[in-house]
C-alpha cells in the first residue's frame, strides 16, 4: 500500500544521498574534519527524519484499523517498531 507520506520520505532520503555524496567528495578533497562532521550530521538528520516519518505514518495508518481482534498483534508490531526509534 502506498502512503501519502512516501513521497516526502523519498525526498528526505534523496537529500541524504546528496549529503552523503558531498561527504565522500569532501573526504577525497581533504576538507576539514569540522566540515565533514557537519555534513555527516546532516546525513544522520535526514535519514533519522525519514525513519521517524515512516514509523509515525505506519502507526497512524496501519496499526489503528479499528479492529479490536487485531489489537494484540498491533501492540506487538508497535513494540517491534519502537526499537528503531
N, C-alpha and C. Protein backbone atom coordinates (compact mmCIF):
# COMPACT_ATOMS: atom_id res chain seq x y z
N UNK A 1 0.84 -1.17 0.00
CA UNK A 1 0.00 0.00 0.00
C UNK A 1 0.88 1.24 0.00
N UNK A 2 0.58 2.19 -0.87
CA UNK A 2 1.33 3.44 -0.93
C UNK A 2 0.67 4.44 0.01
N UNK A 3 1.49 5.08 0.81
CA UNK A 3 1.00 6.05 1.78
C UNK A 3 1.28 7.47 1.28
N UNK A 4 0.49 8.40 1.73
CA UNK A 4 0.66 9.80 1.34
C UNK A 4 2.02 10.34 1.76
N UNK A 5 2.59 9.77 2.81
CA UNK A 5 3.88 10.26 3.32
C UNK A 5 5.07 9.76 2.51
N UNK A 6 4.89 8.75 1.69
CA UNK A 6 6.03 8.15 0.98
C UNK A 6 6.78 9.11 0.06
N UNK A 7 6.11 10.00 -0.68
CA UNK A 7 6.88 10.95 -1.49
C UNK A 7 7.77 11.86 -0.64
N UNK A 8 7.29 12.29 0.52
CA UNK A 8 8.09 13.11 1.42
C UNK A 8 9.28 12.35 1.97
N UNK A 9 9.05 11.09 2.30
CA UNK A 9 10.13 10.24 2.80
C UNK A 9 11.18 10.03 1.71
N UNK A 10 10.71 9.80 0.49
CA UNK A 10 11.63 9.65 -0.63
C UNK A 10 12.47 10.90 -0.82
N UNK A 11 11.85 12.06 -0.71
CA UNK A 11 12.58 13.33 -0.85
C UNK A 11 13.64 13.47 0.24
N UNK A 12 13.31 13.10 1.47
CA UNK A 12 14.28 13.16 2.57
C UNK A 12 15.47 12.23 2.29
N UNK A 13 15.19 11.05 1.81
CA UNK A 13 16.26 10.09 1.54
C UNK A 13 17.13 10.54 0.37
N UNK A 14 16.53 11.15 -0.63
CA UNK A 14 17.33 11.67 -1.74
C UNK A 14 18.23 12.80 -1.27
N UNK A 15 17.71 13.62 -0.34
CA UNK A 15 18.54 14.67 0.25
C UNK A 15 19.71 14.05 1.01
N UNK A 16 19.44 12.98 1.74
CA UNK A 16 20.50 12.29 2.47
C UNK A 16 21.55 11.73 1.52
N UNK A 17 21.12 11.20 0.39
CA UNK A 17 22.06 10.69 -0.62
C UNK A 17 22.94 11.83 -1.11
N UNK A 18 22.35 12.98 -1.36
CA UNK A 18 23.12 14.14 -1.80
C UNK A 18 24.15 14.56 -0.77
N UNK A 19 23.73 14.59 0.50
CA UNK A 19 24.67 14.93 1.58
C UNK A 19 25.80 13.91 1.66
N UNK A 20 25.45 12.64 1.55
CA UNK A 20 26.46 11.58 1.65
C UNK A 20 27.45 11.66 0.49
N UNK A 21 26.95 11.92 -0.71
CA UNK A 21 27.85 12.10 -1.85
C UNK A 21 28.78 13.29 -1.62
N UNK A 22 28.25 14.34 -0.99
CA UNK A 22 29.08 15.50 -0.67
C UNK A 22 30.18 15.13 0.32
N UNK A 23 29.86 14.32 1.29
CA UNK A 23 30.85 13.90 2.27
C UNK A 23 31.97 13.12 1.59
N UNK A 24 31.63 12.20 0.72
CA UNK A 24 32.65 11.42 0.00
C UNK A 24 33.56 12.35 -0.79
N UNK A 25 32.96 13.29 -1.51
CA UNK A 25 33.77 14.24 -2.29
C UNK A 25 34.64 15.10 -1.38
N UNK A 26 34.10 15.49 -0.24
CA UNK A 26 34.85 16.31 0.71
C UNK A 26 36.05 15.55 1.28
N UNK A 27 35.85 14.27 1.56
CA UNK A 27 36.96 13.45 2.06
C UNK A 27 38.04 13.34 0.99
N UNK A 28 37.60 13.10 -0.23
CA UNK A 28 38.56 12.99 -1.33
C UNK A 28 39.32 14.30 -1.57
N UNK A 29 38.68 15.43 -1.23
CA UNK A 29 39.30 16.75 -1.40
C UNK A 29 40.05 17.20 -0.14
N UNK A 30 40.17 16.31 0.84
CA UNK A 30 40.86 16.63 2.10
C UNK A 30 40.28 17.85 2.81
N UNK A 31 38.97 17.94 2.86
CA UNK A 31 38.31 19.04 3.57
C UNK A 31 38.47 18.86 5.06
N UNK A 32 38.19 19.90 5.80
CA UNK A 32 38.40 19.88 7.26
C UNK A 32 37.43 18.92 7.95
N UNK A 33 37.89 18.42 9.07
CA UNK A 33 37.06 17.48 9.86
C UNK A 33 35.77 18.14 10.34
N UNK A 34 35.83 19.43 10.62
CA UNK A 34 34.62 20.14 11.06
C UNK A 34 33.59 20.15 9.94
N UNK A 35 34.04 20.45 8.72
CA UNK A 35 33.12 20.44 7.58
C UNK A 35 32.53 19.05 7.35
N UNK A 36 33.38 18.04 7.48
CA UNK A 36 32.92 16.65 7.30
C UNK A 36 31.90 16.27 8.37
N UNK A 37 32.20 16.62 9.60
CA UNK A 37 31.29 16.30 10.70
C UNK A 37 29.93 16.98 10.49
N UNK A 38 29.95 18.21 10.01
CA UNK A 38 28.71 18.94 9.77
C UNK A 38 27.88 18.23 8.69
N UNK A 39 28.51 17.81 7.62
CA UNK A 39 27.79 17.12 6.56
C UNK A 39 27.29 15.75 7.00
N UNK A 40 28.10 15.03 7.77
CA UNK A 40 27.66 13.73 8.29
C UNK A 40 26.47 13.90 9.23
N UNK A 41 26.48 14.96 9.99
CA UNK A 41 25.34 15.27 10.87
C UNK A 41 24.08 15.49 10.03
N UNK A 42 24.22 16.19 8.91
CA UNK A 42 23.08 16.43 8.02
C UNK A 42 22.55 15.11 7.46
N UNK A 43 23.45 14.18 7.13
CA UNK A 43 23.03 12.86 6.65
C UNK A 43 22.24 12.13 7.73
N UNK A 44 22.77 12.13 8.94
CA UNK A 44 22.07 11.46 10.05
C UNK A 44 20.69 12.05 10.28
N UNK A 45 20.59 13.37 10.25
CA UNK A 45 19.30 14.02 10.49
C UNK A 45 18.30 13.69 9.38
N UNK A 46 18.76 13.69 8.15
CA UNK A 46 17.87 13.39 7.03
C UNK A 46 17.35 11.95 7.10
N UNK A 47 18.24 11.01 7.38
CA UNK A 47 17.83 9.60 7.48
C UNK A 47 16.94 9.40 8.71
N UNK A 48 17.32 10.01 9.82
CA UNK A 48 16.50 9.90 11.04
C UNK A 48 15.11 10.47 10.84
N UNK A 49 15.03 11.60 10.14
CA UNK A 49 13.72 12.20 9.87
C UNK A 49 12.86 11.31 8.99
N UNK A 50 13.47 10.70 8.00
CA UNK A 50 12.75 9.78 7.11
C UNK A 50 12.25 8.57 7.89
N UNK A 51 13.10 8.04 8.73
CA UNK A 51 12.71 6.87 9.54
C UNK A 51 11.56 7.22 10.48
N UNK A 52 11.67 8.36 11.15
CA UNK A 52 10.64 8.79 12.09
C UNK A 52 9.31 8.99 11.36
N UNK A 53 9.35 9.64 10.21
CA UNK A 53 8.12 9.87 9.45
C UNK A 53 7.49 8.56 9.00
N UNK A 54 8.30 7.62 8.56
CA UNK A 54 7.80 6.32 8.13
C UNK A 54 7.14 5.58 9.29
N UNK A 55 7.79 5.57 10.44
CA UNK A 55 7.23 4.86 11.60
C UNK A 55 5.95 5.53 12.08
N UNK A 56 5.93 6.86 12.17
CA UNK A 56 4.72 7.55 12.60
C UNK A 56 3.58 7.30 11.63
N UNK A 57 3.86 7.31 10.33
CA UNK A 57 2.84 7.04 9.33
C UNK A 57 2.30 5.62 9.50
N UNK A 58 3.19 4.69 9.74
CA UNK A 58 2.76 3.30 9.91
C UNK A 58 1.86 3.16 11.13
N UNK A 59 2.25 3.81 12.22
CA UNK A 59 1.44 3.74 13.44
C UNK A 59 0.04 4.31 13.17
N UNK A 60 -0.03 5.45 12.51
CA UNK A 60 -1.31 6.10 12.26
C UNK A 60 -2.20 5.34 11.29
N UNK A 61 -1.62 4.76 10.25
CA UNK A 61 -2.44 4.19 9.19
C UNK A 61 -2.51 2.67 9.14
N UNK A 62 -1.56 2.01 9.74
CA UNK A 62 -1.55 0.55 9.64
C UNK A 62 -1.91 -0.14 10.96
N UNK A 63 -1.59 0.45 12.07
CA UNK A 63 -1.86 -0.21 13.34
C UNK A 63 -3.23 0.14 13.89
N UNK A 64 -3.76 1.28 13.56
CA UNK A 64 -5.05 1.71 14.08
C UNK A 64 -6.13 1.50 13.03
N UNK A 65 -6.53 0.25 12.89
CA UNK A 65 -7.55 -0.05 11.88
C UNK A 65 -8.94 -0.23 12.50
N UNK A 66 -9.06 -0.04 13.82
CA UNK A 66 -10.34 -0.14 14.49
C UNK A 66 -10.78 -1.56 14.78
N UNK A 67 -10.00 -2.53 14.43
CA UNK A 67 -10.34 -3.94 14.64
C UNK A 67 -9.77 -4.39 15.98
N UNK A 68 -10.63 -4.58 16.95
CA UNK A 68 -10.20 -4.98 18.30
C UNK A 68 -9.47 -6.33 18.30
N UNK A 69 -9.84 -7.20 17.40
CA UNK A 69 -9.19 -8.52 17.34
C UNK A 69 -7.72 -8.38 16.98
N UNK A 70 -7.39 -7.32 16.26
CA UNK A 70 -6.00 -7.11 15.84
C UNK A 70 -5.19 -6.34 16.86
N UNK A 71 -5.82 -5.88 17.94
CA UNK A 71 -5.14 -5.03 18.91
C UNK A 71 -3.87 -5.67 19.46
N UNK A 72 -3.94 -6.93 19.84
CA UNK A 72 -2.77 -7.60 20.40
C UNK A 72 -1.64 -7.68 19.37
N UNK A 73 -1.98 -8.02 18.14
CA UNK A 73 -0.97 -8.08 17.08
C UNK A 73 -0.41 -6.68 16.80
N UNK A 74 -1.26 -5.68 16.85
CA UNK A 74 -0.81 -4.31 16.61
C UNK A 74 0.15 -3.85 17.69
N UNK A 75 -0.14 -4.20 18.94
CA UNK A 75 0.76 -3.83 20.03
C UNK A 75 2.11 -4.52 19.89
N UNK A 76 2.09 -5.76 19.47
CA UNK A 76 3.34 -6.48 19.25
C UNK A 76 4.15 -5.81 18.14
N UNK A 77 3.46 -5.42 17.07
CA UNK A 77 4.13 -4.75 15.97
C UNK A 77 4.68 -3.39 16.40
N UNK A 78 3.92 -2.67 17.22
CA UNK A 78 4.37 -1.38 17.73
C UNK A 78 5.64 -1.54 18.56
N UNK A 79 5.70 -2.57 19.37
CA UNK A 79 6.90 -2.83 20.17
C UNK A 79 8.10 -3.13 19.27
N UNK A 80 7.87 -3.85 18.19
CA UNK A 80 8.94 -4.11 17.25
C UNK A 80 9.43 -2.83 16.59
N UNK A 81 8.51 -1.96 16.23
CA UNK A 81 8.86 -0.67 15.62
C UNK A 81 9.63 0.22 16.58
N UNK A 82 9.27 0.18 17.85
CA UNK A 82 9.87 1.07 18.84
C UNK A 82 11.37 0.90 18.94
N UNK A 83 11.89 -0.26 18.65
CA UNK A 83 13.33 -0.44 18.75
C UNK A 83 14.08 0.34 17.69
N UNK A 84 13.38 0.81 16.66
CA UNK A 84 14.02 1.58 15.60
C UNK A 84 13.93 3.09 15.83
N UNK A 85 13.25 3.50 16.88
CA UNK A 85 13.12 4.94 17.16
C UNK A 85 14.40 5.49 17.76
